[in-house]
Amino acid sequence: MSKKRRDIPNYQLPIIETHFHLDYLKDAPAEEVLAAARELGVERFMTIAVTPANIPVVLQLTSEHTDLFGTLGVHPHDAAEFSDETDATIRQHLNNDKIVAVGEIGLDYFYDNCDREVQRQVFAQQLRIAADTDMPVVIHTREADEDTMAILREYAPQMARKGVVHSFTSGPELAGLAVELGFCLGINGIVTFNKAENVREIVAQTPLTHLLLETDAPYLTPVPYRGTENAPKYLPFIAETIARVKEVSTEDVLRQTYENSLRTFFS
């Protein structure tokens, strides 16, 4: 018999989901996913584009829900699909009030789904888009700390607004540089995993003023709901774990990460 899972806590405080993929969730219709999270205080949602084909989907979804916002960009897995047309499409839609960042962009040397030089070129090109348009970015980086740091050192000074290194699992040097340059770190369900002591160490060393809450749903479901599809309604579990690591109240985490999200994407 399976152990009963603890109910999701409701702290009666506003929360912003800064990273999930609404069009990838399969267990419930989009409106049910959003409604369940709203009941627990999630006030705004950011659904993330990852491929050229995904961009019109994000634009359509954000037009259908008043509290749903989006990002436009091409993930490193799909960097080979980036073209001049993609660049033009992203730029065209960044003046849409429902689009709040360029992303998901970056480097992934763990899966190496795309040639690394192509990844670097496309990452840099999308950082230039953000710099040109005064938009923040949503960065994915995995097993690519050195190149990510080199590229950020080059491009971040040109960016009026910075953004987030999302789903942060990298080392302390990249964490420190990101914070120094003005980026936040996105913390999701990984922080609740038993073997993720490295992520909890990063949370411990990073000022709370530079942390954001995210789920990356449908992936990376936090404890105690691992094994089920992730959803924004699980954000309180992530906040609770950050609070334990930082030795502060969950309410303090929720208040500060809410302010951080507003500052990063909605100011």
Protein backbone atom coordinates (compact mmCIF):
# COMPACT_ATOMS: atom_id res chain seq x y z
CA MET A 1 0.00 0.00 0.00
CA SER A 2 1.41 3.39 -0.95
CA LYS A 3 2.07 5.96 1.73
CA LYS A 4 -0.46 8.82 1.71
CA ARG A 5 1.03 11.96 0.27
CA ARG A 6 0.84 15.15 2.29
CA ASP A 7 -1.64 17.75 1.07
CA ILE A 8 -0.22 20.79 -0.70
CA PRO A 9 0.07 23.66 1.81
CA ASN A 10 -1.58 27.02 1.16
CA TYR A 11 0.30 29.96 2.67
CA GLN A 12 -2.20 32.59 1.52
CA LEU A 13 0.56 34.54 -0.24
CA PRO A 14 0.99 35.37 -3.93
CA ILE A 15 3.38 33.21 -5.97
CA ILE A 16 4.74 33.53 -9.50
CA GLU A 17 5.51 30.38 -11.49
CA THR A 18 8.56 31.53 -13.45
CA HIS A 19 9.13 28.42 -15.58
CA PHE A 20 6.87 25.67 -16.85
CA HIS A 21 5.67 24.25 -20.16
CA LEU A 22 1.88 24.41 -20.19
CA ASP A 23 1.57 22.84 -23.63
CA TYR A 24 3.54 19.77 -22.47
CA LEU A 25 1.28 18.91 -19.53
CA LYS A 26 -0.94 15.91 -20.30
CA ASP A 27 -2.70 14.87 -17.07
CA ALA A 28 -5.25 17.71 -17.07
CA PRO A 29 -6.55 20.41 -19.42
CA ALA A 30 -4.71 23.73 -19.30
CA GLU A 31 -7.49 25.56 -17.47
CA GLU A 32 -7.60 22.89 -14.75
CA VAL A 33 -3.82 23.07 -14.30
CA LEU A 34 -3.99 26.85 -13.89
CA ALA A 35 -7.07 26.79 -11.66
CA ALA A 36 -5.53 24.29 -9.24
CA ALA A 37 -2.48 26.51 -8.85
CA ARG A 38 -4.52 29.69 -8.48
CA GLU A 39 -6.28 28.14 -5.47
CA LEU A 40 -2.87 27.86 -3.79
CA GLY A 41 -1.84 31.45 -4.46
CA VAL A 42 -0.16 31.28 -7.85
CA GLU A 43 -0.94 34.70 -9.29
CA ARG A 44 1.03 34.63 -12.55
CA PHE A 45 2.50 31.89 -14.72
CA MET A 46 5.31 31.89 -17.29
CA THR A 47 5.13 29.22 -19.99
CA ILE A 48 8.40 28.77 -21.84
CA ALA A 49 9.12 28.37 -25.55
CA VAL A 50 11.86 25.94 -26.57
CA THR A 51 11.67 25.50 -30.36
CA PRO A 52 10.66 27.62 -33.36
CA ALA A 53 7.53 25.47 -33.68
CA ASN A 54 6.69 26.06 -30.01
CA ILE A 55 6.74 29.87 -30.35
CA PRO A 56 3.26 30.24 -31.91
CA VAL A 57 1.87 27.82 -29.33
CA VAL A 58 3.16 30.01 -26.50
CA LEU A 59 1.77 33.11 -28.17
CA GLN A 60 -1.65 31.47 -28.53
CA LEU A 61 -1.76 30.17 -24.95
CA THR A 62 -0.79 33.51 -23.44
CA SER A 63 -3.56 35.21 -25.42
CA GLU A 64 -6.14 32.85 -23.89
CA HIS A 65 -5.36 33.34 -20.17
CA THR A 66 -5.01 36.73 -18.52
CA ASP A 67 -2.52 35.54 -15.87
CA LEU A 68 -0.38 33.48 -18.26
CA PHE A 69 2.77 35.06 -19.69
CA GLY A 70 5.40 33.62 -21.99
CA THR A 71 8.96 33.63 -23.21
CA LEU A 72 10.25 33.20 -26.76
CA GLY A 73 13.50 31.44 -27.61
CA VAL A 74 15.21 28.28 -28.80
CA HIS A 75 16.60 25.70 -26.37
CA PRO A 76 20.16 24.41 -26.90
CA HIS A 77 18.78 20.97 -27.78
CA ASP A 78 17.20 22.57 -30.84
CA ALA A 79 19.80 25.24 -31.64
CA ALA A 80 20.30 23.82 -35.14
CA GLU A 81 16.72 24.91 -35.92
CA PHE A 82 17.48 28.56 -35.19
CA SER A 83 17.51 30.75 -38.30
CA ASP A 84 17.35 34.39 -39.35
CA GLU A 85 13.59 33.87 -39.62
CA THR A 86 13.49 32.67 -36.01
CA ASP A 87 15.46 35.72 -34.93
CA ALA A 88 13.00 37.99 -36.74
CA THR A 89 9.97 36.19 -35.29
CA ILE A 90 11.26 36.51 -31.73
CA ARG A 91 12.04 40.20 -32.17
CA GLN A 92 8.65 40.83 -33.76
CA HIS A 93 6.74 39.52 -30.77
CA LEU A 94 8.83 40.90 -27.91
CA ASN A 95 6.68 44.03 -27.86
CA ASN A 96 3.70 41.85 -26.89
CA ASP A 97 2.78 42.67 -23.28
CA LYS A 98 2.29 38.96 -22.56
CA ILE A 99 5.89 38.09 -23.54
CA VAL A 100 8.29 38.82 -20.69
CA ALA A 101 11.66 37.27 -21.64
CA VAL A 102 13.87 35.68 -24.27
CA GLY A 103 14.20 32.00 -23.54
CA GLU A 104 14.75 29.19 -23.05
CA ILE A 105 18.29 29.66 -24.32
CA GLY A 106 21.72 28.39 -23.32
CA LEU A 107 24.05 25.40 -23.50
CA ASP A 108 23.58 21.69 -22.81
CA TYR A 109 26.70 19.54 -22.96
CA PHE A 110 25.08 16.71 -21.00
CA TYR A 111 22.83 15.49 -23.79
CA ASP A 112 24.80 17.13 -26.63
CA ASN A 113 21.76 17.02 -28.89
CA CYS A 114 23.29 19.76 -31.00
CA ASP A 115 26.85 20.62 -32.05
CA ARG A 116 28.47 22.63 -29.27
CA GLU A 117 29.71 25.41 -31.53
CA VAL A 118 26.20 25.83 -32.93
CA GLN A 119 24.86 25.95 -29.36
CA ARG A 120 27.34 28.69 -28.45
CA GLN A 121 26.54 30.74 -31.54
CA VAL A 122 22.78 30.51 -31.02
CA PHE A 123 23.08 31.28 -27.30
CA ALA A 124 25.10 34.40 -28.10
CA GLN A 125 22.71 35.45 -30.85
CA GLN A 126 19.73 35.23 -28.51
CA LEU A 127 21.57 37.19 -25.83
CA ARG A 128 22.07 39.87 -28.47
CA ILE A 129 18.32 39.89 -29.09
CA ALA A 130 17.75 40.43 -25.37
CA ALA A 131 20.34 43.21 -25.24
CA ASP A 132 18.86 44.92 -28.31
CA THR A 133 15.31 44.80 -26.95
CA ASP A 134 15.92 45.39 -23.21
CA MET A 135 14.45 42.02 -22.31
CA PRO A 136 15.59 39.58 -19.61
CA VAL A 137 16.56 36.00 -20.48
CA VAL A 138 15.80 32.49 -19.26
CA ILE A 139 19.00 30.43 -19.43
CA HIS A 140 19.41 26.66 -19.48
CA THR A 141 22.91 25.36 -18.77
CA ARG A 142 23.99 21.80 -18.05
CA GLU A 143 27.56 20.50 -17.83
CA ALA A 144 28.66 23.70 -19.57
CA ASP A 145 29.73 26.00 -16.74
CA GLU A 146 32.96 27.30 -18.28
CA ASP A 147 31.46 28.26 -21.64
CA THR A 148 28.34 29.66 -20.01
CA MET A 149 30.48 31.89 -17.79
CA ALA A 150 32.59 33.05 -20.71
CA ILE A 151 29.56 33.97 -22.79
CA LEU A 152 27.81 35.71 -19.90
CA ARG A 153 30.91 37.74 -19.10
CA GLU A 154 30.88 38.96 -22.69
CA TYR A 155 27.18 39.69 -23.13
CA ALA A 156 25.73 40.48 -19.69
CA PRO A 157 27.34 43.95 -19.53
CA GLN A 158 25.40 44.85 -22.69
CA MET A 159 22.06 43.80 -21.15
CA ALA A 160 19.99 46.37 -19.30
CA ARG A 161 17.94 43.55 -17.78
CA LYS A 162 19.42 40.18 -16.86
CA GLY A 163 17.09 37.30 -16.04
CA VAL A 164 17.53 33.83 -14.56
CA VAL A 165 19.73 30.78 -14.83
CA HIS A 166 16.89 28.33 -14.49
CA SER A 167 16.81 24.85 -12.95
CA PHE A 168 20.15 25.61 -11.37
CA THR A 169 22.34 22.52 -10.91
CA SER A 170 25.71 24.03 -11.82
CA GLY A 171 28.67 24.74 -9.60
CA PRO A 172 29.30 27.52 -7.09
CA GLU A 173 31.54 29.50 -9.46
CA LEU A 174 28.75 29.94 -12.01
CA ALA A 175 26.27 30.66 -9.24
CA GLY A 176 28.50 33.38 -7.85
CA LEU A 177 29.16 34.92 -11.24
CA ALA A 178 25.46 34.90 -12.16
CA VAL A 179 24.56 36.72 -8.96
CA GLU A 180 27.45 39.15 -9.40
CA LEU A 181 26.22 39.97 -12.92
CA GLY A 182 22.67 40.51 -11.67
CA PHE A 183 20.97 37.23 -12.58
CA CYS A 184 18.70 35.16 -10.36
CA LEU A 185 18.89 31.39 -9.95
CA GLY A 186 15.76 29.35 -10.66
CA ILE A 187 15.08 26.69 -8.03
CA ASN A 188 12.64 23.85 -8.72
CA GLY A 189 11.75 20.40 -7.43
CA ILE A 190 15.34 19.17 -7.70
CA VAL A 191 16.05 20.97 -4.42
CA THR A 192 13.73 18.48 -2.67
CA PHE A 193 15.47 15.37 -4.04
CA ASN A 194 17.47 13.28 -1.57
CA LYS A 195 20.62 13.28 -3.70
CA ALA A 196 20.54 17.01 -4.57
CA GLU A 197 22.77 18.21 -1.75
CA ASN A 198 24.77 20.21 -4.32
CA VAL A 199 21.68 22.25 -5.19
CA ARG A 200 20.87 22.84 -1.53
CA GLU A 201 24.44 24.06 -1.01
CA ILE A 202 23.95 26.59 -3.82
CA VAL A 203 20.68 27.73 -2.22
CA ALA A 204 22.46 28.12 1.12
CA GLN A 205 25.18 30.35 -0.36
CA THR A 206 22.94 32.45 -2.62
CA PRO A 207 21.17 35.53 -1.25
CA LEU A 208 17.42 35.05 -1.06
CA THR A 209 17.12 38.22 -3.14
CA HIS A 210 18.50 36.24 -6.10
CA LEU A 211 16.32 33.12 -6.01
CA LEU A 212 13.19 32.40 -8.04
CA LEU A 213 10.58 29.65 -7.72
CA GLU A 214 9.80 27.46 -10.71
CA THR A 215 8.57 23.94 -11.41
CA ASP A 216 9.74 23.20 -14.98
CA ALA A 217 6.49 21.21 -15.16
CA PRO A 218 5.76 18.62 -16.41
CA TYR A 219 9.29 17.63 -15.36
CA LEU A 220 11.09 17.44 -11.99
CA THR A 221 8.12 16.93 -9.68
CA PRO A 222 9.11 17.74 -6.08
CA VAL A 223 8.94 15.40 -3.12
CA PRO A 224 6.44 14.16 -1.96
CA TYR A 225 4.80 13.88 -5.41
CA ARG A 226 7.71 12.44 -7.38
CA GLY A 227 6.50 9.89 -9.89
CA THR A 228 3.54 12.01 -10.97
CA GLU A 229 3.37 14.74 -13.58
CA ASN A 230 4.61 18.05 -12.22
CA ALA A 231 2.41 21.15 -12.11
CA PRO A 232 2.60 24.74 -10.78
CA LYS A 233 0.43 23.80 -7.78
CA TYR A 234 3.49 22.12 -6.25
CA LEU A 235 5.48 25.36 -5.87
CA PRO A 236 4.84 25.56 -2.08
CA PHE A 237 6.92 22.41 -1.53
CA ILE A 238 9.88 24.07 -3.24
CA ALA A 239 9.48 27.18 -1.12
CA GLU A 240 9.38 25.07 2.05
CA THR A 241 12.64 23.32 1.18
CA ILE A 242 14.37 26.63 0.41
CA ALA A 243 13.12 27.93 3.76
CA ARG A 244 14.61 24.95 5.61
CA VAL A 245 17.95 25.39 3.87
CA LYS A 246 18.02 29.16 4.47
CA GLU A 247 16.71 28.79 8.04
CA VAL A 248 13.93 31.31 7.46
CA SER A 249 10.16 31.01 7.32
CA THR A 250 8.39 29.75 4.22
CA GLU A 251 6.43 33.01 4.26
CA ASP A 252 9.70 34.95 4.01
CA VAL A 253 10.73 32.83 1.02
CA LEU A 254 7.39 33.36 -0.70
CA ARG A 255 7.43 37.12 -0.13
CA GLN A 256 11.00 37.58 -1.34
CA THR A 257 10.80 35.29 -4.37
CA TYR A 258 7.58 37.05 -5.39
CA GLU A 259 9.38 40.40 -5.26
CA ASN A 260 12.33 38.89 -7.15
CA SER A 261 10.01 37.61 -9.89
CA LEU A 262 8.34 40.98 -10.29
CA ARG A 263 11.72 42.73 -10.46
CA THR A 264 13.17 40.27 -12.96
CA PHE A 265 10.29 39.87 -15.41
CA PHE A 266 7.52 42.37 -14.73
CA SER A 267 9.18 45.70 -13.98
